[in-house]
Each structure stands twice: as C-alpha cells, then as structure tokens.
Amino acid sequence: MNVSKTLLASVATVMIAAPGLAQTQGYELNDPNSPFSFTVPAASGQTWQVLTPKGQASSGVYLGKAPGALIELTVNKTNASIDTLPELVSSYEKVKFQGLTVRRLGAKDATYGGVAGKEIEYAISGKNAQGQTMEKRVRFWGAVKGNNAFAFNLIDNPNTYAVNRDSTFTPILKSLKFK
C-alpha cells in the first residue's frame, strides 16, 4: 500500500483550499462508516475547519487562521505490500516527505484508543510549490489494526507547533475510539 498518495494529497488540498467548511470550536466525528471516532476539542478562541470526505474513512482538521495547522486522519486497507507498522512508517515517510529534507526529532511507541502504534516527530524543510523555502514540524502516529492502516498527523509551522500539538492533536489522539 502506498499510504494512499491520492487520498493524503486530496485531503490536504481540499482542506487548505476550502475556507467555507463548517467551522467549529468543538467537534465529534462518529460516522458509522468510519472505523474510528474522535473529538476535536474546543480551543480557546480558535476556529478549526473540519472536513470528512463523503464515502471515505478519513478526516482533516485545520486551524482556520493563516498560516494554519493541518491535521490529517486517514485510514487505508492493508495489502500485501504493507501490513506491519514498520512498513506503514516507511510508506508514510516516502509519500509524505518526497523531495524534502527530513530530520527525525524523536520516536516512541504509543497506544491510543486501545491500539498500539508508533509516534514520530519530524522537522522538515524544502521548497514549496511556489519555489519558496519552507520549514514545518510534523507529529505522526501510525498503527495497523486488522485490515486497516491508520496514519494520523499534525503539520504545522515551528512557531505554533508545540501549542497546537498539545492543545489539539494530543487530545484528538486521546479521544480516539476504534470500532
């Protein structure tokens, strides 16, 4: 499996380009078609945009103020090329960081919603589509459970990363319930 390059790219693209999405200061996804549910906590004075593509078991959440943080919650069916956690992490890194300079800041085993996985923090840098130099921080949590590979991440600017990681992404991970 490639951690669905198309799905990851389409969620990110739609999220960033869709300011008309429902805005929320607290949100719970409990879609019967999704293999997981989660809650976006109410953040003091911050508005988050929530996107759940119809017919897809994935969601995206991003901070509604520029430059905006992006949280992606994706799930894909496992297949012959990926059915273990190391394969998921390797596939995620290849797809997500293609053409970028990547530095791992730390990694640890982490369990959310009763599912054991791997949590990794990265510093990434490189050129964006407009040729400008950019720098981002990424926190990734991935897990393989049954026939599903989960890849959840926060992508943010270095100066707002720690706040959004602690006030939003960590609570989302802690709220996860798998079906």
Protein backbone atom coordinates (compact mmCIF):
# COMPACT_ATOMS: atom_id res chain seq x y z
CA MET A 1 0.00 0.00 0.00
CA ASN A 2 1.18 3.50 -0.58
CA VAL A 3 -0.49 5.41 2.22
CA SER A 4 -2.89 6.48 -0.48
CA LYS A 5 -0.94 9.29 -2.09
CA THR A 6 -4.13 10.47 -3.75
CA LEU A 7 -6.14 10.44 -0.54
CA LEU A 8 -3.48 12.22 1.51
CA ALA A 9 -2.95 14.82 -1.20
CA SER A 10 -6.65 15.37 -1.80
CA VAL A 11 -7.43 15.79 1.89
CA ALA A 12 -4.62 18.32 2.30
CA THR A 13 -5.52 20.19 -0.88
CA VAL A 14 -9.23 20.36 -0.13
CA MET A 15 -8.60 21.35 3.46
CA ILE A 16 -6.35 24.27 2.64
CA ALA A 17 -8.45 25.44 -0.28
CA ALA A 18 -11.84 25.18 1.40
CA PRO A 19 -12.45 28.10 3.77
CA GLY A 20 -16.23 27.58 3.53
CA LEU A 21 -16.20 24.33 5.51
CA ALA A 22 -18.12 24.09 8.75
CA GLN A 23 -16.24 25.94 11.45
CA THR A 24 -16.18 24.61 14.94
CA GLN A 25 -14.72 25.15 18.38
CA GLY A 26 -15.54 21.59 19.39
CA TYR A 27 -16.44 18.72 17.10
CA GLU A 28 -17.07 14.99 17.35
CA LEU A 29 -16.85 12.61 14.41
CA ASN A 30 -18.83 9.47 14.99
CA ASP A 31 -19.56 8.30 11.44
CA PRO A 32 -20.89 4.72 11.32
CA ASN A 33 -18.86 4.11 8.13
CA SER A 34 -15.57 5.12 9.76
CA PRO A 35 -13.52 2.53 11.68
CA PHE A 36 -12.76 5.21 14.29
CA SER A 37 -14.31 8.20 16.01
CA PHE A 38 -12.61 11.25 17.54
CA THR A 39 -13.31 14.62 19.13
CA VAL A 40 -11.72 17.96 18.22
CA PRO A 41 -11.51 19.88 21.49
CA ALA A 42 -12.83 23.40 21.83
CA ALA A 43 -9.74 25.60 21.66
CA SER A 44 -9.86 28.96 23.38
CA GLY A 45 -10.85 31.41 20.68
CA GLN A 46 -9.55 29.26 17.83
CA THR A 47 -11.71 28.09 14.97
CA TRP A 48 -10.97 24.79 13.28
CA GLN A 49 -12.26 23.68 9.90
CA VAL A 50 -13.40 20.05 9.72
CA LEU A 51 -13.61 18.03 6.51
CA THR A 52 -14.85 14.48 6.26
CA PRO A 53 -14.83 13.46 2.58
CA LYS A 54 -18.07 11.67 1.70
CA GLY A 55 -17.65 7.94 1.32
CA GLN A 56 -14.09 7.97 2.69
CA ALA A 57 -12.99 6.90 6.13
CA SER A 58 -10.73 9.88 6.63
CA SER A 59 -10.98 13.34 8.07
CA GLY A 60 -8.99 16.51 8.07
CA VAL A 61 -8.96 19.36 10.52
CA TYR A 62 -7.08 22.60 10.16
CA LEU A 63 -6.74 25.80 12.11
CA GLY A 64 -8.77 28.47 10.38
CA LYS A 65 -6.20 31.25 10.76
CA ALA A 66 -3.29 31.69 8.34
CA PRO A 67 -0.83 30.08 8.04
CA GLY A 68 -2.89 27.30 9.55
CA ALA A 69 -2.06 23.94 11.02
CA LEU A 70 -3.27 20.81 9.28
CA ILE A 71 -4.34 17.59 10.97
CA GLU A 72 -4.98 14.56 8.75
CA LEU A 73 -6.68 11.40 9.99
CA THR A 74 -6.55 8.74 7.29
CA VAL A 75 -7.24 5.04 7.10
CA ASN A 76 -6.48 2.66 4.27
CA LYS A 77 -6.98 -1.05 3.80
CA THR A 78 -3.80 -3.06 4.29
CA ASN A 79 -2.50 -5.17 1.44
CA ALA A 80 0.42 -7.41 0.55
CA SER A 81 2.92 -4.53 0.42
CA ILE A 82 2.04 -3.15 3.84
CA ASP A 83 0.62 -4.98 6.78
CA THR A 84 3.06 -4.13 9.56
CA LEU A 85 3.83 -0.95 11.47
CA PRO A 86 7.41 -0.59 10.11
CA GLU A 87 6.05 -0.88 6.56
CA LEU A 88 3.42 1.78 7.32
CA VAL A 89 6.03 4.21 8.71
CA SER A 90 8.33 3.64 5.73
CA SER A 91 5.50 4.14 3.24
CA TYR A 92 4.30 7.28 5.06
CA GLU A 93 7.79 8.82 5.01
CA LYS A 94 8.29 8.06 1.30
CA VAL A 95 4.93 9.54 0.27
CA LYS A 96 4.75 12.49 2.66
CA PHE A 97 8.32 13.74 2.53
CA GLN A 98 9.30 13.13 -1.08
CA GLY A 99 11.83 15.78 -2.15
CA LEU A 100 12.13 17.32 1.33
CA THR A 101 14.90 17.35 3.90
CA VAL A 102 13.69 15.30 6.87
CA ARG A 103 15.07 15.06 10.38
CA ARG A 104 13.53 12.77 12.98
CA LEU A 105 13.25 14.58 16.30
CA GLY A 106 12.05 11.58 18.28
CA ALA A 107 10.06 8.37 18.18
CA LYS A 108 8.23 6.25 20.72
CA ASP A 109 5.66 3.51 20.99
CA ALA A 110 2.23 4.98 21.77
CA THR A 111 -1.22 3.49 22.26
CA TYR A 112 -4.42 5.42 21.57
CA GLY A 113 -7.94 4.04 21.69
CA GLY A 114 -6.50 0.68 22.73
CA VAL A 115 -4.46 0.38 19.51
CA ALA A 116 -0.66 0.17 19.76
CA GLY A 117 1.28 2.23 17.26
CA LYS A 118 4.34 4.40 16.67
CA GLU A 119 4.55 8.14 17.29
CA ILE A 120 7.27 10.12 15.50
CA GLU A 121 8.12 13.83 15.38
CA TYR A 122 9.91 15.36 12.40
CA ALA A 123 11.42 18.65 11.27
CA ILE A 124 11.02 19.03 7.51
CA SER A 125 12.26 21.70 5.14
CA GLY A 126 12.42 22.30 1.43
CA LYS A 127 10.80 24.28 -1.36
CA ASN A 128 7.03 24.63 -1.66
CA ALA A 129 5.12 24.58 -4.97
CA GLN A 130 5.93 28.27 -5.48
CA GLY A 131 9.66 27.65 -5.02
CA GLN A 132 9.79 29.32 -1.60
CA THR A 133 11.76 27.77 1.23
CA MET A 134 9.52 26.40 3.96
CA GLU A 135 10.03 24.70 7.29
CA LYS A 136 7.43 22.60 9.11
CA ARG A 137 7.09 20.33 12.11
CA VAL A 138 5.21 17.05 11.86
CA ARG A 139 3.88 14.71 14.50
CA PHE A 140 2.82 11.34 13.13
CA TRP A 141 1.02 8.47 14.80
CA GLY A 142 0.51 5.30 12.82
CA ALA A 143 -0.93 1.90 13.61
CA VAL A 144 -2.06 -1.26 11.87
CA LYS A 145 -5.18 -2.97 13.24
CA GLY A 146 -6.95 -5.77 11.44
CA ASN A 147 -7.31 -4.82 7.78
CA ASN A 148 -6.71 -1.10 8.41
CA ALA A 149 -3.58 1.05 8.40
CA PHE A 150 -4.06 4.35 10.25
CA ALA A 151 -1.89 7.39 9.51
CA PHE A 152 -2.72 10.45 11.61
CA ASN A 153 -0.56 13.57 11.56
CA LEU A 154 -0.25 17.23 12.52
CA ILE A 155 1.67 19.51 10.14
CA ASP A 156 2.42 22.99 11.47
CA ASN A 157 4.86 25.87 11.47
CA PRO A 158 7.68 25.63 14.03
CA ASN A 159 6.48 28.68 16.00
CA THR A 160 2.93 27.32 16.60
CA TYR A 161 3.64 23.58 16.51
CA ALA A 162 4.02 22.92 20.25
CA VAL A 163 0.83 24.78 21.17
CA ASN A 164 -1.30 23.05 18.52
CA ARG A 165 0.27 19.67 19.28
CA ASP A 166 -0.52 19.96 22.98
CA SER A 167 -3.89 21.74 22.81
CA THR A 168 -5.45 19.95 19.85
CA PHE A 169 -3.61 17.00 18.30
CA THR A 170 -2.80 15.16 21.53
CA PRO A 171 -6.41 15.49 22.78
CA ILE A 172 -7.68 14.21 19.41
CA LEU A 173 -5.40 11.16 19.70
CA LYS A 174 -6.51 10.60 23.30
CA SER A 175 -10.18 10.77 22.23
CA LEU A 176 -9.81 8.08 19.53
CA LYS A 177 -12.17 5.14 19.69
CA PHE A 178 -11.71 2.28 17.24
CA LYS A 179 -14.61 0.08 16.14
